[in-house]
Amino acid sequence: MVLVEFAASLQRHKACPPQDVPAGSLAAVLSQAFTAEPGLRHYVLDDQGHIRKHVAVFINGVMHQQRQQMDLAVADGGKVLVVQCLTGG
């Protein structure tokens, strides 16, 4: 299983408690996590299914840099953290 967590900045918009989902590609892991709150997909992925520019995804503590590479394997025992990037001045 993979633990998927959504940062508080996303939880403000949609309910998304931490979830354990089956291991697999990043796309499959996120898709499983979106089943609990389908509306969250819109905040995280664009129309092509890629990670939006204002979202950062960390896999086992390392930021996933390739927004279009969704076939990256996330192994059992892994952790995915999804963060909405915030800016301000």
PDB file of N, CA and C in Angstrom:
ATOM      1  N   MET A   1       0.840  -1.189   0.000  1.00  0.00           N
ATOM      2  CA  MET A   1       0.000   0.000   0.000  1.00  0.00           C
ATOM      3  C   MET A   1       0.884   1.250   0.000  1.00  0.00           C
ATOM      4  N   VAL A   2       0.314   2.320  -0.516  1.00  0.00           N
ATOM      5  CA  VAL A   2       0.982   3.624  -0.575  1.00  0.00           C
ATOM      6  C   VAL A   2       0.132   4.617   0.202  1.00  0.00           C
ATOM      7  N   LEU A   3       0.766   5.404   1.062  1.00  0.00           N
ATOM      8  CA  LEU A   3       0.057   6.436   1.804  1.00  0.00           C
ATOM      9  C   LEU A   3       0.018   7.697   0.950  1.00  0.00           C
ATOM     10  N   VAL A   4      -1.178   8.227   0.707  1.00  0.00           N
ATOM     11  CA  VAL A   4      -1.351   9.459  -0.057  1.00  0.00           C
ATOM     12  C   VAL A   4      -1.916  10.511   0.884  1.00  0.00           C
ATOM     13  N   GLU A   5      -1.224  11.639   0.955  1.00  0.00           N
ATOM     14  CA  GLU A   5      -1.668  12.744   1.805  1.00  0.00           C
ATOM     15  C   GLU A   5      -1.789  14.011   0.969  1.00  0.00           C
ATOM     16  N   PHE A   6      -2.769  14.823   1.297  1.00  0.00           N
ATOM     17  CA  PHE A   6      -2.983  16.103   0.643  1.00  0.00           C
ATOM     18  C   PHE A   6      -2.770  17.197   1.676  1.00  0.00           C
ATOM     19  N   ALA A   7      -1.978  18.199   1.322  1.00  0.00           N
ATOM     20  CA  ALA A   7      -1.654  19.285   2.243  1.00  0.00           C
ATOM     21  C   ALA A   7      -2.899  20.087   2.607  1.00  0.00           C
ATOM     22  N   ALA A   8      -2.801  20.816   3.701  1.00  0.00           N
ATOM     23  CA  ALA A   8      -3.925  21.602   4.205  1.00  0.00           C
ATOM     24  C   ALA A   8      -4.433  22.604   3.181  1.00  0.00           C
ATOM     25  N   SER A   9      -3.549  23.094   2.319  1.00  0.00           N
ATOM     26  CA  SER A   9      -3.976  24.072   1.302  1.00  0.00           C
ATOM     27  C   SER A   9      -5.006  23.460   0.347  1.00  0.00           C
ATOM     28  N   LEU A  10      -4.930  22.164   0.095  1.00  0.00           N
ATOM     29  CA  LEU A  10      -5.929  21.488  -0.735  1.00  0.00           C
ATOM     30  C   LEU A  10      -7.143  21.065   0.085  1.00  0.00           C
ATOM     31  N   GLN A  11      -6.923  20.701   1.327  1.00  0.00           N
ATOM     32  CA  GLN A  11      -8.031  20.277   2.178  1.00  0.00           C
ATOM     33  C   GLN A  11      -9.002  21.420   2.440  1.00  0.00           C
ATOM     34  N   ARG A  12      -8.526  22.628   2.265  1.00  0.00           N
ATOM     35  CA  ARG A  12      -9.392  23.790   2.420  1.00  0.00           C
ATOM     36  C   ARG A  12     -10.508  23.782   1.369  1.00  0.00           C
ATOM     37  N   HIS A  13     -10.217  23.219   0.195  1.00  0.00           N
ATOM     38  CA  HIS A  13     -11.170  23.198  -0.918  1.00  0.00           C
ATOM     39  C   HIS A  13     -12.024  21.924  -0.949  1.00  0.00           C
ATOM     40  N   LYS A  14     -11.414  20.804  -0.615  1.00  0.00           N
ATOM     41  CA  LYS A  14     -12.099  19.511  -0.681  1.00  0.00           C
ATOM     42  C   LYS A  14     -11.644  18.642   0.478  1.00  0.00           C
ATOM     43  N   ALA A  15     -12.551  17.834   0.979  1.00  0.00           N
ATOM     44  CA  ALA A  15     -12.193  16.890   2.044  1.00  0.00           C
ATOM     45  C   ALA A  15     -11.286  15.814   1.453  1.00  0.00           C
ATOM     46  N   CYS A  16     -10.120  15.653   2.034  1.00  0.00           N
ATOM     47  CA  CYS A  16      -9.184  14.653   1.508  1.00  0.00           C
ATOM     48  C   CYS A  16      -8.278  14.144   2.627  1.00  0.00           C
ATOM     49  N   PRO A  17      -8.808  13.292   3.481  1.00  0.00           N
ATOM     50  CA  PRO A  17      -7.986  12.722   4.545  1.00  0.00           C
ATOM     51  C   PRO A  17      -6.917  11.800   3.960  1.00  0.00           C
ATOM     52  N   PRO A  18      -5.858  11.508   4.713  1.00  0.00           N
ATOM     53  CA  PRO A  18      -4.836  10.564   4.240  1.00  0.00           C
ATOM     54  C   PRO A  18      -5.477   9.226   3.885  1.00  0.00           C
ATOM     55  N   GLN A  19      -4.925   8.591   2.861  1.00  0.00           N
ATOM     56  CA  GLN A  19      -5.483   7.318   2.392  1.00  0.00           C
ATOM     57  C   GLN A  19      -4.376   6.330   2.086  1.00  0.00           C
ATOM     58  N   ASP A  20      -4.657   5.062   2.294  1.00  0.00           N
ATOM     59  CA  ASP A  20      -3.800   3.978   1.839  1.00  0.00           C
ATOM     60  C   ASP A  20      -4.414   3.433   0.569  1.00  0.00           C
ATOM     61  N   VAL A  21      -3.632   3.419  -0.513  1.00  0.00           N
ATOM     62  CA  VAL A  21      -4.113   2.934  -1.810  1.00  0.00           C
ATOM     63  C   VAL A  21      -3.106   1.913  -2.327  1.00  0.00           C
ATOM     64  N   PRO A  22      -3.525   1.067  -3.261  1.00  0.00           N
ATOM     65  CA  PRO A  22      -2.594   0.073  -3.815  1.00  0.00           C
ATOM     66  C   PRO A  22      -1.414   0.742  -4.525  1.00  0.00           C
ATOM     67  N   ALA A  23      -0.253   0.104  -4.441  1.00  0.00           N
ATOM     68  CA  ALA A  23       0.932   0.585  -5.147  1.00  0.00           C
ATOM     69  C   ALA A  23       0.702   0.478  -6.647  1.00  0.00           C
ATOM     70  N   GLY A  24       1.428   1.289  -7.400  1.00  0.00           N
ATOM     71  CA  GLY A  24       1.317   1.280  -8.853  1.00  0.00           C
ATOM     72  C   GLY A  24       1.963   2.526  -9.415  1.00  0.00           C
ATOM     73  N   SER A  25       1.581   2.892 -10.616  1.00  0.00           N
ATOM     74  CA  SER A  25       2.117   4.116 -11.212  1.00  0.00           C
ATOM     75  C   SER A  25       1.584   5.328 -10.448  1.00  0.00           C
ATOM     76  N   LEU A  26       2.258   6.449 -10.608  1.00  0.00           N
ATOM     77  CA  LEU A  26       1.784   7.675  -9.956  1.00  0.00           C
ATOM     78  C   LEU A  26       0.364   7.992 -10.396  1.00  0.00           C
ATOM     79  N   ALA A  27       0.080   7.807 -11.677  1.00  0.00           N
ATOM     80  CA  ALA A  27      -1.280   8.058 -12.187  1.00  0.00           C
ATOM     81  C   ALA A  27      -2.295   7.161 -11.496  1.00  0.00           C
ATOM     82  N   ALA A  28      -1.973   5.889 -11.328  1.00  0.00           N
ATOM     83  CA  ALA A  28      -2.900   4.945 -10.692  1.00  0.00           C
ATOM     84  C   ALA A  28      -3.086   5.267  -9.211  1.00  0.00           C
ATOM     85  N   VAL A  29      -1.996   5.612  -8.537  1.00  0.00           N
ATOM     86  CA  VAL A  29      -2.058   5.950  -7.107  1.00  0.00           C
ATOM     87  C   VAL A  29      -2.948   7.177  -6.898  1.00  0.00           C
ATOM     88  N   LEU A  30      -2.721   8.214  -7.695  1.00  0.00           N
ATOM     89  CA  LEU A  30      -3.541   9.420  -7.550  1.00  0.00           C
ATOM     90  C   LEU A  30      -4.994   9.140  -7.922  1.00  0.00           C
ATOM     91  N   SER A  31      -5.206   8.363  -8.959  1.00  0.00           N
ATOM     92  CA  SER A  31      -6.568   8.030  -9.374  1.00  0.00           C
ATOM     93  C   SER A  31      -7.325   7.322  -8.250  1.00  0.00           C
ATOM     94  N   GLN A  32      -6.665   6.399  -7.584  1.00  0.00           N
ATOM     95  CA  GLN A  32      -7.292   5.711  -6.443  1.00  0.00           C
ATOM     96  C   GLN A  32      -7.624   6.702  -5.333  1.00  0.00           C
ATOM     97  N   ALA A  33      -6.714   7.637  -5.083  1.00  0.00           N
ATOM     98  CA  ALA A  33      -6.946   8.627  -4.025  1.00  0.00           C
ATOM     99  C   ALA A  33      -8.111   9.545  -4.376  1.00  0.00           C
ATOM    100  N   PHE A  34      -8.307   9.829  -5.669  1.00  0.00           N
ATOM    101  CA  PHE A  34      -9.392  10.716  -6.089  1.00  0.00           C
ATOM    102  C   PHE A  34     -10.756  10.047  -5.967  1.00  0.00           C
ATOM    103  N   THR A  35     -10.820   8.741  -5.818  1.00  0.00           N
ATOM    104  CA  THR A  35     -12.128   8.086  -5.707  1.00  0.00           C
ATOM    105  C   THR A  35     -12.863   8.541  -4.451  1.00  0.00           C
ATOM    106  N   ALA A  36     -12.130   8.883  -3.395  1.00  0.00           N
ATOM    107  CA  ALA A  36     -12.769   9.351  -2.161  1.00  0.00           C
ATOM    108  C   ALA A  36     -13.343  10.757  -2.329  1.00  0.00           C
ATOM    109  N   GLU A  37     -12.704  11.571  -3.158  1.00  0.00           N
ATOM    110  CA  GLU A  37     -13.172  12.933  -3.414  1.00  0.00           C
ATOM    111  C   GLU A  37     -12.875  13.269  -4.875  1.00  0.00           C
ATOM    112  N   PRO A  38     -13.776  12.884  -5.797  1.00  0.00           N
ATOM    113  CA  PRO A  38     -13.531  13.078  -7.231  1.00  0.00           C
ATOM    114  C   PRO A  38     -13.256  14.523  -7.628  1.00  0.00           C
ATOM    115  N   GLY A  39     -13.825  15.488  -6.948  1.00  0.00           N
ATOM    116  CA  GLY A  39     -13.616  16.885  -7.280  1.00  0.00           C
ATOM    117  C   GLY A  39     -12.187  17.347  -7.071  1.00  0.00           C
ATOM    118  N   LEU A  40     -11.410  16.590  -6.334  1.00  0.00           N
ATOM    119  CA  LEU A  40     -10.023  16.947  -6.067  1.00  0.00           C
ATOM    120  C   LEU A  40      -9.155  16.813  -7.322  1.00  0.00           C
ATOM    121  N   ARG A  41      -9.549  15.931  -8.227  1.00  0.00           N
ATOM    122  CA  ARG A  41      -8.788  15.716  -9.460  1.00  0.00           C
ATOM    123  C   ARG A  41      -8.561  17.041 -10.193  1.00  0.00           C
ATOM    124  N   HIS A  42      -9.585  17.878 -10.248  1.00  0.00           N
ATOM    125  CA  HIS A  42      -9.513  19.162 -10.942  1.00  0.00           C
ATOM    126  C   HIS A  42      -8.447  20.085 -10.339  1.00  0.00           C
ATOM    127  N   TYR A  43      -8.243  20.015  -9.041  1.00  0.00           N
ATOM    128  CA  TYR A  43      -7.251  20.863  -8.387  1.00  0.00           C
ATOM    129  C   TYR A  43      -5.827  20.375  -8.638  1.00  0.00           C
ATOM    130  N   VAL A  44      -5.658  19.075  -8.856  1.00  0.00           N
ATOM    131  CA  VAL A  44      -4.332  18.470  -8.940  1.00  0.00           C
ATOM    132  C   VAL A  44      -3.875  18.248 -10.382  1.00  0.00           C
ATOM    133  N   LEU A  45      -4.771  17.775 -11.243  1.00  0.00           N
ATOM    134  CA  LEU A  45      -4.401  17.424 -12.618  1.00  0.00           C
ATOM    135  C   LEU A  45      -5.080  18.345 -13.631  1.00  0.00           C
ATOM    136  N   ASP A  46      -4.393  18.578 -14.746  1.00  0.00           N
ATOM    137  CA  ASP A  46      -4.985  19.365 -15.825  1.00  0.00           C
ATOM    138  C   ASP A  46      -5.812  18.462 -16.747  1.00  0.00           C
ATOM    139  N   ASP A  47      -6.296  19.014 -17.851  1.00  0.00           N
ATOM    140  CA  ASP A  47      -7.161  18.263 -18.757  1.00  0.00           C
ATOM    141  C   ASP A  47      -6.456  17.090 -19.437  1.00  0.00           C
ATOM    142  N   GLN A  48      -5.129  17.131 -19.505  1.00  0.00           N
ATOM    143  CA  GLN A  48      -4.362  16.038 -20.100  1.00  0.00           C
ATOM    144  C   GLN A  48      -3.943  14.989 -19.076  1.00  0.00           C
ATOM    145  N   GLY A  49      -4.323  15.201 -17.818  1.00  0.00           N
ATOM    146  CA  GLY A  49      -3.960  14.252 -16.767  1.00  0.00           C
ATOM    147  C   GLY A  49      -2.562  14.465 -16.216  1.00  0.00           C
ATOM    148  N   HIS A  50      -1.990  15.641 -16.462  1.00  0.00           N
ATOM    149  CA  HIS A  50      -0.666  15.978 -15.946  1.00  0.00           C
ATOM    150  C   HIS A  50      -0.804  16.838 -14.692  1.00  0.00           C
ATOM    151  N   ILE A  51       0.232  16.831 -13.880  1.00  0.00           N
ATOM    152  CA  ILE A  51       0.225  17.624 -12.652  1.00  0.00           C
ATOM    153  C   ILE A  51       0.206  19.109 -13.009  1.00  0.00           C
ATOM    154  N   ARG A  52      -0.714  19.849 -12.402  1.00  0.00           N
ATOM    155  CA  ARG A  52      -0.824  21.287 -12.673  1.00  0.00           C
ATOM    156  C   ARG A  52       0.429  22.025 -12.202  1.00  0.00           C
ATOM    157  N   LYS A  53       0.660  23.180 -12.810  1.00  0.00           N
ATOM    158  CA  LYS A  53       1.856  23.973 -12.491  1.00  0.00           C
ATOM    159  C   LYS A  53       1.856  24.477 -11.058  1.00  0.00           C
ATOM    160  N   HIS A  54       0.695  24.676 -10.472  1.00  0.00           N
ATOM    161  CA  HIS A  54       0.624  25.201  -9.102  1.00  0.00           C
ATOM    162  C   HIS A  54       0.558  24.095  -8.046  1.00  0.00           C
ATOM    163  N   VAL A  55       0.861  22.864  -8.466  1.00  0.00           N
ATOM    164  CA  VAL A  55       0.826  21.720  -7.547  1.00  0.00           C
ATOM    165  C   VAL A  55       2.194  21.050  -7.537  1.00  0.00           C
ATOM    166  N   ALA A  56       2.653  20.667  -6.360  1.00  0.00           N
ATOM    167  CA  ALA A  56       3.893  19.901  -6.216  1.00  0.00           C
ATOM    168  C   ALA A  56       3.537  18.532  -5.647  1.00  0.00           C
ATOM    169  N   VAL A  57       4.138  17.502  -6.217  1.00  0.00           N
ATOM    170  CA  VAL A  57       3.929  16.132  -5.745  1.00  0.00           C
ATOM    171  C   VAL A  57       5.270  15.588  -5.276  1.00  0.00           C
ATOM    172  N   PHE A  58       5.282  15.106  -4.048  1.00  0.00           N
ATOM    173  CA  PHE A  58       6.480  14.519  -3.466  1.00  0.00           C
ATOM    174  C   PHE A  58       6.268  13.016  -3.335  1.00  0.00           C
ATOM    175  N   ILE A  59       7.243  12.260  -3.786  1.00  0.00           N
ATOM    176  CA  ILE A  59       7.200  10.802  -3.660  1.00  0.00           C
ATOM    177  C   ILE A  59       8.348  10.417  -2.742  1.00  0.00           C
ATOM    178  N   ASN A  60       7.997   9.865  -1.591  1.00  0.00           N
ATOM    179  CA  ASN A  60       8.987   9.493  -0.578  1.00  0.00           C
ATOM    180  C   ASN A  60       9.917  10.659  -0.252  1.00  0.00           C
ATOM    181  N   GLY A  61       9.337  11.857  -0.147  1.00  0.00           N
ATOM    182  CA  GLY A  61      10.080  13.037   0.266  1.00  0.00           C
ATOM    183  C   GLY A  61      10.839  13.750  -0.839  1.00  0.00           C
ATOM    184  N   VAL A  62      10.775  13.235  -2.069  1.00  0.00           N
ATOM    185  CA  VAL A  62      11.482  13.849  -3.192  1.00  0.00           C
ATOM    186  C   VAL A  62      10.458  14.439  -4.150  1.00  0.00           C
ATOM    187  N   MET A  63      10.642  15.725  -4.500  1.00  0.00           N
ATOM    188  CA  MET A  63       9.689  16.370  -5.395  1.00  0.00           C
ATOM    189  C   MET A  63       9.775  15.756  -6.796  1.00  0.00           C
ATOM    190  N   HIS A  64       8.618  15.402  -7.325  1.00  0.00           N
ATOM    191  CA  HIS A  64       8.520  14.841  -8.674  1.00  0.00           C
ATOM    192  C   HIS A  64       8.584  16.009  -9.655  1.00  0.00           C
ATOM    193  N   GLN A  65       9.652  16.092 -10.433  1.00  0.00           N
ATOM    194  CA  GLN A  65       9.911  17.244 -11.286  1.00  0.00           C
ATOM    195  C   GLN A  65       9.223  17.176 -12.648  1.00  0.00           C
ATOM    196  N   GLN A  66       8.947  15.990 -13.142  1.00  0.00           N
ATOM    197  CA  GLN A  66       8.407  15.817 -14.493  1.00  0.00           C
ATOM    198  C   GLN A  66       6.880  15.735 -14.445  1.00  0.00           C
ATOM    199  N   ARG A  67       6.210  16.857 -14.615  1.00  0.00           N
ATOM    200  CA  ARG A  67       4.753  16.933 -14.470  1.00  0.00           C
ATOM    201  C   ARG A  67       3.999  16.019 -15.424  1.00  0.00           C
ATOM    202  N   GLN A  68       4.580  15.714 -16.566  1.00  0.00           N
ATOM    203  CA  GLN A  68       3.896  14.877 -17.543  1.00  0.00           C
ATOM    204  C   GLN A  68       4.211  13.391 -17.369  1.00  0.00           C
ATOM    205  N   GLN A  69       5.202  13.050 -16.574  1.00  0.00           N
ATOM    206  CA  GLN A  69       5.585  11.658 -16.364  1.00  0.00           C
ATOM    207  C   GLN A  69       4.747  11.064 -15.232  1.00  0.00           C
ATOM    208  N   MET A  70       3.660  10.433 -15.629  1.00  0.00           N
ATOM    209  CA  MET A  70       2.739   9.885 -14.634  1.00  0.00           C
ATOM    210  C   MET A  70       2.868   8.366 -14.504  1.00  0.00           C
ATOM    211  N   ASP A  71       3.795   7.761 -15.280  1.00  0.00           N
ATOM    212  CA  ASP A  71       3.963   6.315 -15.229  1.00  0.00           C
ATOM    213  C   ASP A  71       5.034   5.876 -14.237  1.00  0.00           C
ATOM    214  N   LEU A  72       5.594   6.805 -13.493  1.00  0.00           N
ATOM    215  CA  LEU A  72       6.600   6.497 -12.483  1.00  0.00           C
ATOM    216  C   LEU A  72       6.010   5.562 -11.433  1.00  0.00           C
ATOM    217  N   ALA A  73       6.708   4.483 -11.125  1.00  0.00           N
ATOM    218  CA  ALA A  73       6.211   3.497 -10.160  1.00  0.00           C
ATOM    219  C   ALA A  73       6.357   4.007  -8.727  1.00  0.00           C
ATOM    220  N   VAL A  74       5.316   3.798  -7.940  1.00  0.00           N
ATOM    221  CA  VAL A  74       5.346   4.087  -6.505  1.00  0.00           C
ATOM    222  C   VAL A  74       5.163   2.739  -5.807  1.00  0.00           C
ATOM    223  N   ALA A  75       6.206   2.293  -5.109  1.00  0.00           N
ATOM    224  CA  ALA A  75       6.234   0.949  -4.533  1.00  0.00           C
ATOM    225  C   ALA A  75       5.474   0.858  -3.215  1.00  0.00           C
ATOM    226  N   ASP A  76       5.167  -0.367  -2.831  1.00  0.00           N
ATOM    227  CA  ASP A  76       4.558  -0.623  -1.525  1.00  0.00           C
ATOM    228  C   ASP A  76       5.385   0.039  -0.435  1.00  0.00           C
ATOM    229  N   GLY A  77       4.706   0.624   0.532  1.00  0.00           N
ATOM    230  CA  GLY A  77       5.377   1.312   1.627  1.00  0.00           C
ATOM    231  C   GLY A  77       5.753   2.741   1.299  1.00  0.00           C
ATOM    232  N   GLY A  78       5.454   3.181   0.081  1.00  0.00           N
ATOM    233  CA  GLY A  78       5.784   4.540  -0.336  1.00  0.00           C
ATOM    234  C   GLY A  78       4.810   5.558   0.213  1.00  0.00           C
ATOM    235  N   LYS A  79       5.181   6.818   0.038  1.00  0.00           N
ATOM    236  CA  LYS A  79       4.338   7.915   0.491  1.00  0.00           C
ATOM    237  C   LYS A  79       4.287   8.974  -0.598  1.00  0.00           C
ATOM    238  N   VAL A  80       3.092   9.454  -0.906  1.00  0.00           N
ATOM    239  CA  VAL A  80       2.894  10.526  -1.872  1.00  0.00           C
ATOM    240  C   VAL A  80       2.248  11.687  -1.124  1.00  0.00           C
ATOM    241  N   LEU A  81       2.859  12.860  -1.238  1.00  0.00           N
ATOM    242  CA  LEU A  81       2.336  14.063  -0.633  1.00  0.00           C
ATOM    243  C   LEU A  81       2.025  15.043  -1.753  1.00  0.00           C
ATOM    244  N   VAL A  82       0.793  15.557  -1.789  1.00  0.00           N
ATOM    245  CA  VAL A  82       0.372  16.509  -2.799  1.00  0.00           C
ATOM    246  C   VAL A  82       0.180  17.867  -2.125  1.00  0.00           C
ATOM    247  N   VAL A  83       0.870  18.880  -2.663  1.00  0.00           N
ATOM    248  CA  VAL A  83       0.867  20.204  -2.072  1.00  0.00           C
ATOM    249  C   VAL A  83       0.469  21.220  -3.130  1.00  0.00           C
ATOM    250  N   GLN A  84      -0.424  22.119  -2.784  1.00  0.00           N
ATOM    251  CA  GLN A  84      -0.753  23.234  -3.674  1.00  0.00           C
ATOM    252  C   GLN A  84       0.242  24.347  -3.370  1.00  0.00           C
ATOM    253  N   CYS A  85       0.982  24.749  -4.384  1.00  0.00           N
ATOM    254  CA  CYS A  85       1.990  25.798  -4.201  1.00  0.00           C
ATOM    255  C   CYS A  85       1.290  27.141  -4.007  1.00  0.00           C
ATOM    256  N   LEU A  86       1.754  27.895  -3.055  1.00  0.00           N
ATOM    257  CA  LEU A  86       1.152  29.198  -2.764  1.00  0.00           C
ATOM    258  C   LEU A  86       2.196  30.284  -2.963  1.00  0.00           C
ATOM    259  N   THR A  87       1.738  31.409  -3.449  1.00  0.00           N
ATOM    260  CA  THR A  87       2.631  32.562  -3.608  1.00  0.00           C
ATOM    261  C   THR A  87       1.960  33.777  -2.979  1.00  0.00           C
ATOM    262  N   GLY A  88       2.712  34.759  -2.782  1.00  0.00           N
ATOM    263  CA  GLY A  88       2.148  35.982  -2.210  1.00  0.00           C
ATOM    264  C   GLY A  88       3.239  37.008  -1.997  1.00  0.00           C
ATOM    265  N   GLY A  89       2.818  38.141  -1.544  1.00  0.00           N
ATOM    266  CA  GLY A  89       3.822  39.181  -1.372  1.00  0.00           C
ATOM    267  C   GLY A  89       3.516  40.060  -0.218  1.00  0.00           C
TER     268      GLY A  89
END
